[in-house]
N, C-alpha and C. Protein backbone atom coordinates (compact mmCIF):
# COMPACT_ATOMS: atom_id res chain seq x y z
N MET A 1 -24.92 -23.35 5.56
CA MET A 1 -25.69 -24.21 6.42
C MET A 1 -25.46 -25.66 5.95
N GLN A 2 -25.14 -26.53 6.88
CA GLN A 2 -24.99 -27.96 6.60
C GLN A 2 -26.37 -28.57 6.28
N PRO A 3 -26.35 -29.55 5.34
CA PRO A 3 -27.64 -30.24 5.06
C PRO A 3 -28.13 -30.93 6.32
N ASN A 4 -29.48 -31.14 6.38
CA ASN A 4 -30.04 -31.85 7.56
C ASN A 4 -29.49 -33.28 7.61
N THR A 5 -29.71 -33.93 8.73
CA THR A 5 -29.13 -35.23 8.90
C THR A 5 -29.61 -36.23 7.86
N THR A 6 -30.88 -36.18 7.52
CA THR A 6 -31.43 -37.12 6.50
C THR A 6 -30.75 -36.90 5.16
N ALA A 7 -30.67 -35.61 4.74
CA ALA A 7 -30.04 -35.25 3.46
C ALA A 7 -28.54 -35.61 3.48
N ARG A 8 -27.88 -35.34 4.63
CA ARG A 8 -26.47 -35.64 4.71
C ARG A 8 -26.22 -37.18 4.60
N THR A 9 -27.03 -37.96 5.28
CA THR A 9 -26.92 -39.43 5.19
C THR A 9 -27.22 -39.89 3.78
N ALA A 10 -28.18 -39.32 3.12
CA ALA A 10 -28.56 -39.74 1.74
C ALA A 10 -27.43 -39.41 0.81
N LEU A 11 -26.77 -38.20 0.96
CA LEU A 11 -25.64 -37.85 0.15
C LEU A 11 -24.46 -38.81 0.39
N ALA A 12 -24.23 -39.14 1.59
CA ALA A 12 -23.17 -40.10 1.94
C ALA A 12 -23.41 -41.47 1.28
N LYS A 13 -24.64 -41.92 1.34
CA LYS A 13 -24.94 -43.21 0.68
C LYS A 13 -24.79 -43.16 -0.83
N THR A 14 -25.18 -42.03 -1.43
CA THR A 14 -24.97 -41.86 -2.85
C THR A 14 -23.49 -41.86 -3.19
N ILE A 15 -22.70 -41.17 -2.43
CA ILE A 15 -21.25 -41.13 -2.69
C ILE A 15 -20.63 -42.55 -2.58
N VAL A 16 -21.01 -43.25 -1.52
CA VAL A 16 -20.50 -44.62 -1.34
C VAL A 16 -20.91 -45.56 -2.49
N THR A 17 -22.17 -45.47 -2.85
CA THR A 17 -22.71 -46.34 -3.92
C THR A 17 -22.02 -46.08 -5.26
N ARG A 18 -21.85 -44.78 -5.54
CA ARG A 18 -21.30 -44.42 -6.85
C ARG A 18 -19.80 -44.65 -7.00
N ALA A 19 -19.04 -44.52 -5.89
CA ALA A 19 -17.60 -44.37 -6.04
C ALA A 19 -16.78 -45.43 -5.35
N THR A 20 -17.36 -46.36 -4.66
CA THR A 20 -16.56 -47.35 -3.91
C THR A 20 -16.29 -48.57 -4.76
N LEU A 21 -15.05 -48.93 -4.94
CA LEU A 21 -14.64 -50.15 -5.70
C LEU A 21 -13.92 -51.07 -4.76
N HIS A 22 -14.06 -52.35 -5.03
CA HIS A 22 -13.40 -53.37 -4.22
C HIS A 22 -12.37 -54.14 -5.04
N GLY A 23 -11.24 -54.43 -4.46
CA GLY A 23 -10.09 -55.09 -5.13
C GLY A 23 -8.84 -54.91 -4.36
N ASP A 24 -7.74 -54.76 -5.12
CA ASP A 24 -6.43 -54.54 -4.47
C ASP A 24 -5.87 -53.30 -5.14
N PHE A 25 -5.73 -52.22 -4.33
CA PHE A 25 -5.33 -50.94 -4.88
C PHE A 25 -4.13 -50.35 -4.14
N LEU A 26 -3.22 -49.73 -4.88
CA LEU A 26 -2.09 -49.01 -4.28
C LEU A 26 -2.49 -47.53 -4.23
N LEU A 27 -2.48 -46.93 -3.04
CA LEU A 27 -2.78 -45.54 -2.87
C LEU A 27 -1.56 -44.68 -3.08
N ARG A 28 -1.76 -43.38 -3.28
CA ARG A 28 -0.61 -42.44 -3.44
C ARG A 28 0.32 -42.50 -2.26
N SER A 29 -0.21 -42.70 -1.10
CA SER A 29 0.59 -42.75 0.17
C SER A 29 1.49 -43.98 0.20
N GLY A 30 1.31 -44.95 -0.74
CA GLY A 30 2.09 -46.19 -0.72
C GLY A 30 1.37 -47.31 -0.02
N VAL A 31 0.29 -47.03 0.67
CA VAL A 31 -0.49 -48.02 1.38
C VAL A 31 -1.37 -48.82 0.38
N ARG A 32 -1.52 -50.07 0.62
CA ARG A 32 -2.48 -50.89 -0.15
C ARG A 32 -3.81 -50.90 0.55
N SER A 33 -4.86 -50.98 -0.27
CA SER A 33 -6.23 -50.97 0.27
C SER A 33 -7.06 -51.97 -0.53
N LYS A 34 -7.95 -52.61 0.17
CA LYS A 34 -8.94 -53.55 -0.44
C LYS A 34 -10.13 -52.73 -1.02
N VAL A 35 -10.27 -51.51 -0.56
CA VAL A 35 -11.36 -50.67 -1.00
C VAL A 35 -10.76 -49.36 -1.56
N TYR A 36 -11.28 -49.00 -2.70
CA TYR A 36 -10.75 -47.75 -3.37
C TYR A 36 -11.91 -46.86 -3.63
N PHE A 37 -11.73 -45.59 -3.36
CA PHE A 37 -12.68 -44.56 -3.62
C PHE A 37 -12.34 -43.89 -4.89
N ASP A 38 -13.10 -44.14 -5.96
CA ASP A 38 -12.84 -43.54 -7.25
C ASP A 38 -13.56 -42.19 -7.31
N LYS A 39 -12.87 -41.23 -6.86
CA LYS A 39 -13.44 -39.85 -6.79
C LYS A 39 -13.84 -39.26 -8.11
N TYR A 40 -13.25 -39.75 -9.19
CA TYR A 40 -13.55 -39.24 -10.51
C TYR A 40 -14.96 -39.67 -10.95
N LEU A 41 -15.47 -40.71 -10.36
CA LEU A 41 -16.88 -41.09 -10.65
C LEU A 41 -17.82 -40.10 -10.05
N LEU A 42 -17.42 -39.40 -8.98
CA LEU A 42 -18.24 -38.33 -8.38
C LEU A 42 -18.06 -37.05 -9.20
N GLU A 43 -16.83 -36.76 -9.56
CA GLU A 43 -16.52 -35.48 -10.11
C GLU A 43 -16.99 -35.41 -11.57
N ALA A 44 -17.22 -36.56 -12.22
CA ALA A 44 -17.70 -36.62 -13.61
C ALA A 44 -19.23 -36.46 -13.70
N ASP A 45 -19.87 -36.58 -12.55
CA ASP A 45 -21.38 -36.51 -12.52
C ASP A 45 -21.76 -35.06 -12.08
N PRO A 46 -22.23 -34.22 -13.00
CA PRO A 46 -22.42 -32.81 -12.64
C PRO A 46 -23.49 -32.59 -11.56
N LEU A 47 -24.53 -33.43 -11.54
CA LEU A 47 -25.55 -33.24 -10.51
C LEU A 47 -25.04 -33.60 -9.12
N LEU A 48 -24.32 -34.71 -9.06
CA LEU A 48 -23.77 -35.20 -7.78
C LEU A 48 -22.67 -34.21 -7.31
N LEU A 49 -21.80 -33.81 -8.21
CA LEU A 49 -20.75 -32.86 -7.84
C LEU A 49 -21.39 -31.54 -7.32
N ASN A 50 -22.38 -31.13 -7.93
CA ASN A 50 -23.11 -29.91 -7.46
C ASN A 50 -23.62 -30.12 -6.03
N ALA A 51 -24.29 -31.21 -5.80
CA ALA A 51 -24.82 -31.50 -4.42
C ALA A 51 -23.68 -31.53 -3.42
N ILE A 52 -22.58 -32.17 -3.79
CA ILE A 52 -21.43 -32.27 -2.90
C ILE A 52 -20.84 -30.87 -2.56
N THR A 53 -20.62 -30.06 -3.64
CA THR A 53 -20.03 -28.77 -3.36
C THR A 53 -20.97 -27.81 -2.64
N LEU A 54 -22.27 -27.92 -2.92
CA LEU A 54 -23.20 -27.12 -2.11
C LEU A 54 -23.09 -27.47 -0.63
N ALA A 55 -22.93 -28.75 -0.34
CA ALA A 55 -22.78 -29.16 1.09
C ALA A 55 -21.43 -28.74 1.63
N MET A 56 -20.46 -28.50 0.79
CA MET A 56 -19.09 -28.08 1.26
C MET A 56 -19.03 -26.58 1.56
N VAL A 57 -19.87 -25.76 0.99
CA VAL A 57 -19.76 -24.31 1.20
C VAL A 57 -19.69 -23.93 2.63
N PRO A 58 -20.44 -24.48 3.54
CA PRO A 58 -20.32 -24.07 4.95
C PRO A 58 -18.98 -24.44 5.61
N LEU A 59 -18.21 -25.29 4.99
CA LEU A 59 -16.88 -25.66 5.49
C LEU A 59 -15.84 -24.56 5.24
N LEU A 60 -16.12 -23.68 4.32
CA LEU A 60 -15.14 -22.62 3.98
C LEU A 60 -15.06 -21.62 5.11
N PRO A 61 -13.80 -21.09 5.33
CA PRO A 61 -13.63 -20.07 6.33
C PRO A 61 -14.40 -18.81 5.97
N ALA A 62 -14.62 -17.93 6.95
CA ALA A 62 -15.38 -16.72 6.72
C ALA A 62 -14.70 -15.77 5.75
N SER A 63 -13.32 -15.77 5.80
CA SER A 63 -12.58 -14.80 4.96
C SER A 63 -11.43 -15.52 4.26
N TYR A 64 -11.36 -15.27 2.92
CA TYR A 64 -10.29 -15.77 2.10
C TYR A 64 -10.36 -15.06 0.77
N ASP A 65 -9.30 -15.12 0.03
CA ASP A 65 -9.26 -14.36 -1.26
C ASP A 65 -9.60 -15.26 -2.45
N ALA A 66 -9.14 -16.50 -2.44
CA ALA A 66 -9.38 -17.38 -3.55
C ALA A 66 -9.32 -18.83 -3.14
N LEU A 67 -9.94 -19.67 -3.93
CA LEU A 67 -9.82 -21.11 -3.79
C LEU A 67 -8.66 -21.57 -4.59
N ALA A 68 -8.01 -22.65 -4.15
CA ALA A 68 -6.86 -23.19 -4.92
C ALA A 68 -7.08 -24.69 -5.07
N GLY A 69 -7.51 -25.08 -6.25
CA GLY A 69 -7.80 -26.48 -6.53
C GLY A 69 -6.55 -27.20 -6.92
N LEU A 70 -6.24 -28.30 -6.24
CA LEU A 70 -5.00 -29.08 -6.54
C LEU A 70 -5.30 -30.01 -7.70
N GLU A 71 -4.31 -30.05 -8.60
CA GLU A 71 -4.33 -31.00 -9.73
C GLU A 71 -4.43 -32.40 -9.24
N MET A 72 -5.20 -33.19 -9.69
CA MET A 72 -6.21 -33.05 -10.70
C MET A 72 -7.60 -33.00 -10.07
N GLY A 73 -7.79 -33.78 -9.00
CA GLY A 73 -9.09 -33.93 -8.42
C GLY A 73 -9.68 -32.72 -7.72
N GLY A 74 -8.81 -31.87 -7.25
CA GLY A 74 -9.26 -30.64 -6.58
C GLY A 74 -9.82 -29.59 -7.54
N VAL A 75 -9.45 -29.65 -8.83
CA VAL A 75 -9.81 -28.64 -9.77
C VAL A 75 -11.32 -28.60 -10.02
N PRO A 76 -11.99 -29.71 -10.35
CA PRO A 76 -13.45 -29.59 -10.54
C PRO A 76 -14.22 -29.24 -9.27
N VAL A 77 -13.70 -29.68 -8.13
CA VAL A 77 -14.39 -29.36 -6.91
C VAL A 77 -14.24 -27.82 -6.61
N ALA A 78 -13.03 -27.28 -6.80
CA ALA A 78 -12.83 -25.84 -6.65
C ALA A 78 -13.65 -25.01 -7.63
N THR A 79 -13.74 -25.52 -8.83
CA THR A 79 -14.50 -24.77 -9.85
C THR A 79 -15.93 -24.64 -9.49
N LEU A 80 -16.53 -25.74 -9.03
CA LEU A 80 -17.97 -25.70 -8.61
C LEU A 80 -18.13 -24.89 -7.32
N LEU A 81 -17.17 -24.98 -6.36
CA LEU A 81 -17.23 -24.16 -5.21
C LEU A 81 -17.24 -22.70 -5.55
N ALA A 82 -16.41 -22.33 -6.56
CA ALA A 82 -16.36 -20.93 -6.99
C ALA A 82 -17.72 -20.48 -7.54
N GLN A 83 -18.36 -21.37 -8.25
CA GLN A 83 -19.72 -21.03 -8.73
C GLN A 83 -20.67 -20.71 -7.60
N HIS A 84 -20.55 -21.45 -6.49
CA HIS A 84 -21.48 -21.30 -5.36
C HIS A 84 -21.10 -20.12 -4.51
N THR A 85 -19.79 -19.74 -4.49
CA THR A 85 -19.34 -18.69 -3.56
C THR A 85 -19.08 -17.36 -4.27
N GLY A 86 -18.79 -17.41 -5.52
CA GLY A 86 -18.39 -16.19 -6.27
C GLY A 86 -16.94 -15.85 -6.09
N LYS A 87 -16.19 -16.71 -5.42
CA LYS A 87 -14.76 -16.46 -5.19
C LYS A 87 -13.95 -16.94 -6.40
N PRO A 88 -12.83 -16.32 -6.73
CA PRO A 88 -12.00 -16.79 -7.84
C PRO A 88 -11.33 -18.12 -7.44
N THR A 89 -10.92 -18.77 -8.51
CA THR A 89 -10.24 -20.07 -8.33
C THR A 89 -8.88 -20.09 -9.04
N LEU A 90 -7.92 -20.70 -8.35
CA LEU A 90 -6.62 -20.90 -8.94
C LEU A 90 -6.50 -22.44 -9.21
N PHE A 91 -5.83 -22.82 -10.25
CA PHE A 91 -5.61 -24.19 -10.59
C PHE A 91 -4.15 -24.53 -10.36
N VAL A 92 -3.87 -25.37 -9.38
CA VAL A 92 -2.53 -25.61 -8.85
C VAL A 92 -2.01 -26.93 -9.46
N ARG A 93 -0.91 -26.80 -10.16
CA ARG A 93 -0.24 -27.98 -10.75
C ARG A 93 0.62 -28.70 -9.71
N LYS A 94 0.95 -29.94 -10.03
CA LYS A 94 1.88 -30.69 -9.15
C LYS A 94 3.25 -30.08 -9.22
N GLN A 95 3.62 -29.55 -10.35
CA GLN A 95 4.86 -28.76 -10.49
C GLN A 95 4.67 -27.78 -11.60
N ALA A 96 5.44 -26.72 -11.53
CA ALA A 96 5.32 -25.67 -12.54
C ALA A 96 5.55 -26.24 -13.94
N LYS A 97 4.80 -25.81 -14.90
CA LYS A 97 5.07 -26.33 -16.25
C LYS A 97 6.31 -25.70 -16.78
N GLU A 98 6.96 -26.37 -17.75
CA GLU A 98 8.23 -25.94 -18.24
C GLU A 98 8.10 -25.19 -19.55
N TYR A 99 6.93 -24.72 -19.89
CA TYR A 99 6.68 -23.99 -21.12
C TYR A 99 5.63 -22.93 -20.89
N GLY A 100 5.37 -22.10 -21.89
CA GLY A 100 4.42 -21.03 -21.75
C GLY A 100 4.67 -20.16 -20.63
N THR A 101 3.70 -20.00 -19.70
CA THR A 101 3.91 -19.13 -18.54
C THR A 101 4.79 -19.71 -17.41
N CYS A 102 5.01 -20.97 -17.44
CA CYS A 102 5.87 -21.63 -16.48
C CYS A 102 5.37 -21.46 -15.04
N LYS A 103 4.08 -21.41 -14.87
CA LYS A 103 3.50 -21.15 -13.61
C LYS A 103 3.12 -22.47 -12.84
N LEU A 104 3.16 -22.39 -11.51
CA LEU A 104 2.68 -23.47 -10.67
C LEU A 104 1.13 -23.37 -10.56
N ALA A 105 0.65 -22.11 -10.43
CA ALA A 105 -0.81 -21.92 -10.30
C ALA A 105 -1.26 -21.02 -11.42
N GLU A 106 -2.36 -21.46 -12.04
CA GLU A 106 -2.97 -20.74 -13.16
C GLU A 106 -4.22 -20.03 -12.62
N GLY A 107 -4.53 -18.88 -13.21
CA GLY A 107 -5.78 -18.20 -12.89
C GLY A 107 -5.58 -16.93 -12.09
N GLY A 108 -4.41 -16.52 -11.77
CA GLY A 108 -4.17 -15.27 -11.06
C GLY A 108 -2.90 -15.36 -10.22
N ASP A 109 -2.55 -14.22 -9.68
CA ASP A 109 -1.39 -14.14 -8.80
C ASP A 109 -1.58 -14.83 -7.50
N VAL A 110 -0.55 -15.36 -6.90
CA VAL A 110 -0.59 -16.09 -5.64
C VAL A 110 -0.10 -15.19 -4.50
N SER A 111 0.92 -14.44 -4.76
CA SER A 111 1.63 -13.68 -3.72
C SER A 111 0.69 -12.74 -2.94
N GLY A 112 0.76 -12.87 -1.60
CA GLY A 112 -0.02 -12.04 -0.71
C GLY A 112 -1.47 -12.41 -0.56
N ARG A 113 -1.93 -13.45 -1.25
CA ARG A 113 -3.35 -13.84 -1.20
C ARG A 113 -3.56 -14.92 -0.14
N ASN A 114 -4.68 -14.87 0.51
CA ASN A 114 -5.08 -15.88 1.42
C ASN A 114 -5.90 -16.93 0.70
N LEU A 115 -5.31 -18.09 0.52
CA LEU A 115 -5.93 -19.17 -0.30
C LEU A 115 -6.50 -20.27 0.57
N VAL A 116 -7.54 -20.88 0.11
CA VAL A 116 -8.08 -22.11 0.70
C VAL A 116 -7.77 -23.24 -0.29
N ILE A 117 -7.07 -24.22 0.20
CA ILE A 117 -6.72 -25.39 -0.66
C ILE A 117 -7.95 -26.25 -0.78
N VAL A 118 -8.23 -26.71 -1.98
CA VAL A 118 -9.38 -27.56 -2.25
C VAL A 118 -8.86 -28.90 -2.81
N GLU A 119 -9.26 -29.98 -2.18
CA GLU A 119 -8.86 -31.34 -2.57
C GLU A 119 -10.07 -32.21 -2.58
N ASP A 120 -10.01 -33.34 -3.24
CA ASP A 120 -11.15 -34.27 -3.21
C ASP A 120 -11.04 -35.23 -2.06
N VAL A 121 -9.97 -36.01 -1.98
CA VAL A 121 -9.80 -36.99 -0.93
C VAL A 121 -8.46 -36.81 -0.25
N VAL A 122 -8.41 -36.83 1.04
CA VAL A 122 -7.18 -36.71 1.80
C VAL A 122 -6.87 -38.05 2.47
N THR A 123 -5.66 -38.55 2.24
CA THR A 123 -5.22 -39.76 2.90
C THR A 123 -4.13 -39.38 3.87
N SER A 124 -2.87 -39.21 3.36
CA SER A 124 -1.77 -38.85 4.23
C SER A 124 -1.54 -37.33 4.22
N GLY A 125 -2.14 -36.61 3.25
CA GLY A 125 -1.91 -35.17 3.16
C GLY A 125 -0.72 -34.78 2.35
N GLY A 126 -0.01 -35.79 1.80
CA GLY A 126 1.27 -35.51 1.12
C GLY A 126 1.15 -34.60 -0.07
N ALA A 127 0.17 -34.75 -0.94
CA ALA A 127 -0.03 -33.90 -2.10
C ALA A 127 -0.33 -32.50 -1.66
N ILE A 128 -1.14 -32.32 -0.63
CA ILE A 128 -1.49 -31.04 -0.08
C ILE A 128 -0.22 -30.35 0.45
N LEU A 129 0.52 -31.05 1.26
CA LEU A 129 1.73 -30.47 1.86
C LEU A 129 2.72 -30.03 0.78
N ASP A 130 2.88 -30.83 -0.27
CA ASP A 130 3.75 -30.46 -1.41
C ASP A 130 3.27 -29.14 -2.03
N GLY A 131 1.99 -29.10 -2.33
CA GLY A 131 1.41 -27.97 -2.98
C GLY A 131 1.48 -26.70 -2.11
N VAL A 132 1.16 -26.86 -0.84
CA VAL A 132 1.19 -25.74 0.08
C VAL A 132 2.61 -25.20 0.21
N ALA A 133 3.61 -26.04 0.33
CA ALA A 133 5.00 -25.60 0.43
C ALA A 133 5.39 -24.76 -0.74
N GLU A 134 5.02 -25.18 -1.96
CA GLU A 134 5.34 -24.40 -3.16
C GLU A 134 4.59 -23.09 -3.25
N LEU A 135 3.31 -23.14 -2.87
CA LEU A 135 2.51 -21.86 -2.88
C LEU A 135 2.97 -20.89 -1.84
N ARG A 136 3.39 -21.34 -0.69
CA ARG A 136 3.93 -20.51 0.34
C ARG A 136 5.26 -19.84 -0.12
N LYS A 137 6.04 -20.60 -0.84
CA LYS A 137 7.30 -20.03 -1.38
C LYS A 137 6.99 -18.89 -2.34
N LEU A 138 5.79 -18.90 -3.01
CA LEU A 138 5.41 -17.84 -3.93
C LEU A 138 4.69 -16.76 -3.19
N GLY A 139 4.55 -16.81 -1.83
CA GLY A 139 4.00 -15.76 -1.06
C GLY A 139 2.56 -15.93 -0.66
N ALA A 140 1.99 -17.06 -0.91
CA ALA A 140 0.58 -17.32 -0.51
C ALA A 140 0.51 -17.49 0.98
N GLN A 141 -0.64 -17.11 1.52
CA GLN A 141 -0.96 -17.38 2.92
C GLN A 141 -2.03 -18.48 2.90
N ILE A 142 -1.80 -19.58 3.64
CA ILE A 142 -2.71 -20.74 3.59
C ILE A 142 -2.79 -21.27 5.02
N THR A 143 -4.07 -21.33 5.46
CA THR A 143 -4.33 -21.96 6.77
C THR A 143 -5.41 -23.07 6.73
N ASP A 144 -6.18 -23.02 5.65
CA ASP A 144 -7.35 -23.94 5.56
C ASP A 144 -7.36 -24.79 4.37
N VAL A 145 -7.83 -26.03 4.51
CA VAL A 145 -7.97 -26.97 3.45
C VAL A 145 -9.36 -27.56 3.56
N VAL A 146 -10.06 -27.66 2.40
CA VAL A 146 -11.37 -28.32 2.38
C VAL A 146 -11.27 -29.50 1.46
N CYS A 147 -12.05 -30.56 1.78
CA CYS A 147 -12.05 -31.75 0.94
C CYS A 147 -13.40 -32.42 1.07
N ILE A 148 -13.66 -33.34 0.10
CA ILE A 148 -14.90 -34.13 0.18
C ILE A 148 -14.76 -35.18 1.28
N ILE A 149 -13.63 -35.94 1.26
CA ILE A 149 -13.48 -37.03 2.17
C ILE A 149 -12.11 -37.05 2.79
N ASP A 150 -12.06 -37.21 4.10
CA ASP A 150 -10.88 -37.48 4.89
C ASP A 150 -10.82 -38.99 5.13
N ARG A 151 -9.87 -39.68 4.62
CA ARG A 151 -9.80 -41.15 4.80
C ARG A 151 -9.37 -41.53 6.18
N GLU A 152 -9.12 -40.49 7.03
CA GLU A 152 -8.76 -40.70 8.45
C GLU A 152 -7.54 -41.62 8.53
N SER A 153 -6.54 -41.29 7.78
CA SER A 153 -5.33 -42.07 7.71
C SER A 153 -4.07 -41.22 8.05
N GLY A 154 -4.25 -40.26 8.90
CA GLY A 154 -3.12 -39.45 9.34
C GLY A 154 -2.99 -38.03 8.67
N GLY A 155 -3.76 -37.86 7.62
CA GLY A 155 -3.66 -36.55 6.93
C GLY A 155 -3.99 -35.38 7.79
N LEU A 156 -5.05 -35.47 8.57
CA LEU A 156 -5.48 -34.39 9.46
C LEU A 156 -4.36 -33.94 10.37
N GLU A 157 -3.66 -34.93 11.00
CA GLU A 157 -2.60 -34.61 11.88
C GLU A 157 -1.38 -34.05 11.20
N LYS A 158 -1.07 -34.54 10.02
CA LYS A 158 0.10 -34.07 9.33
C LYS A 158 -0.15 -32.63 8.80
N LEU A 159 -1.33 -32.36 8.38
CA LEU A 159 -1.66 -31.01 7.94
C LEU A 159 -1.63 -30.04 9.12
N ALA A 160 -2.10 -30.49 10.28
CA ALA A 160 -2.07 -29.64 11.46
C ALA A 160 -0.65 -29.24 11.84
N GLN A 161 0.29 -30.19 11.67
CA GLN A 161 1.67 -29.89 12.00
C GLN A 161 2.26 -28.83 11.08
N ALA A 162 1.66 -28.66 9.91
CA ALA A 162 2.10 -27.60 8.93
C ALA A 162 1.25 -26.30 9.08
N GLY A 163 0.46 -26.24 10.18
CA GLY A 163 -0.33 -25.06 10.40
C GLY A 163 -1.62 -24.98 9.52
N LEU A 164 -2.08 -26.17 9.12
CA LEU A 164 -3.27 -26.25 8.25
C LEU A 164 -4.43 -26.90 8.98
N THR A 165 -5.64 -26.37 8.82
CA THR A 165 -6.84 -26.94 9.43
C THR A 165 -7.59 -27.63 8.26
N LEU A 166 -7.85 -28.91 8.42
CA LEU A 166 -8.66 -29.68 7.44
C LEU A 166 -10.12 -29.63 7.78
N HIS A 167 -10.90 -29.29 6.78
CA HIS A 167 -12.40 -29.27 6.91
C HIS A 167 -12.89 -30.29 5.89
N ALA A 168 -13.31 -31.45 6.35
CA ALA A 168 -13.80 -32.52 5.43
C ALA A 168 -15.31 -32.59 5.51
N LEU A 169 -15.91 -32.77 4.35
CA LEU A 169 -17.39 -32.94 4.27
C LEU A 169 -17.72 -34.25 5.01
N TYR A 170 -16.94 -35.31 4.71
CA TYR A 170 -17.16 -36.58 5.39
C TYR A 170 -15.82 -37.20 5.82
N GLY A 171 -15.83 -37.91 6.89
CA GLY A 171 -14.73 -38.72 7.26
C GLY A 171 -15.06 -40.16 6.89
N ARG A 172 -13.98 -40.94 6.77
CA ARG A 172 -14.13 -42.38 6.39
C ARG A 172 -15.15 -43.05 7.27
N SER A 173 -15.08 -42.82 8.57
CA SER A 173 -15.95 -43.51 9.49
C SER A 173 -17.45 -43.22 9.21
N GLU A 174 -17.74 -41.96 8.86
CA GLU A 174 -19.12 -41.58 8.53
C GLU A 174 -19.56 -42.29 7.26
N LEU A 175 -18.73 -42.41 6.28
CA LEU A 175 -19.11 -43.12 5.05
C LEU A 175 -19.20 -44.61 5.29
N GLU A 176 -18.40 -45.15 6.14
CA GLU A 176 -18.52 -46.57 6.49
C GLU A 176 -19.86 -46.83 7.15
N ALA A 177 -20.31 -45.92 8.01
CA ALA A 177 -21.57 -46.04 8.63
C ALA A 177 -22.73 -45.96 7.59
N ALA A 178 -22.42 -45.31 6.50
CA ALA A 178 -23.47 -45.17 5.43
C ALA A 178 -23.45 -46.42 4.47
N GLY A 179 -22.45 -47.29 4.62
CA GLY A 179 -22.49 -48.45 3.82
C GLY A 179 -21.25 -48.98 3.24
N ALA A 180 -20.11 -48.26 3.26
CA ALA A 180 -18.91 -48.77 2.70
C ALA A 180 -17.75 -47.88 3.17
N SER A 181 -16.56 -48.25 2.69
CA SER A 181 -15.36 -47.52 3.13
C SER A 181 -14.62 -46.96 1.90
N PRO A 182 -14.42 -45.66 1.85
CA PRO A 182 -13.66 -45.06 0.78
C PRO A 182 -12.18 -45.27 0.90
């Protein structure tokens, strides 16, 4: 169940207040921004991250085998979502490590499993597309992505082209209405 409108707006305002920085920032997508959303300020606060992930639970599809948190920001979000849902979590690296198990995803097998990708902020969707391509090569089935914030910068459309549905807790425009721009 989604939080009521008052609680949703209050959570949005808290997110904006805690994590919005102003300056000149280069984003992963290569775009420069005057406003930066420091998602790690949210993820480092256990009470706030708990509130965020509780609000994200209704975004998850009805059926899936495991959550797949993308390195690095998706990992704490996926971990807390697992606590709320009881579903297992995989921790997905940007690339397979070259030592030890040499795995791309830690925490269990990928092949044949229906995974939900978990990310913190989506801009262009590039990191998600990279991770999904590698996980699919390993036999994963992936159709859904959940995130805290969609920056509304083309990620939704790019993910859709790859057969992925993005479920964002907040879009940039909703956070702007709450007081700032991530």
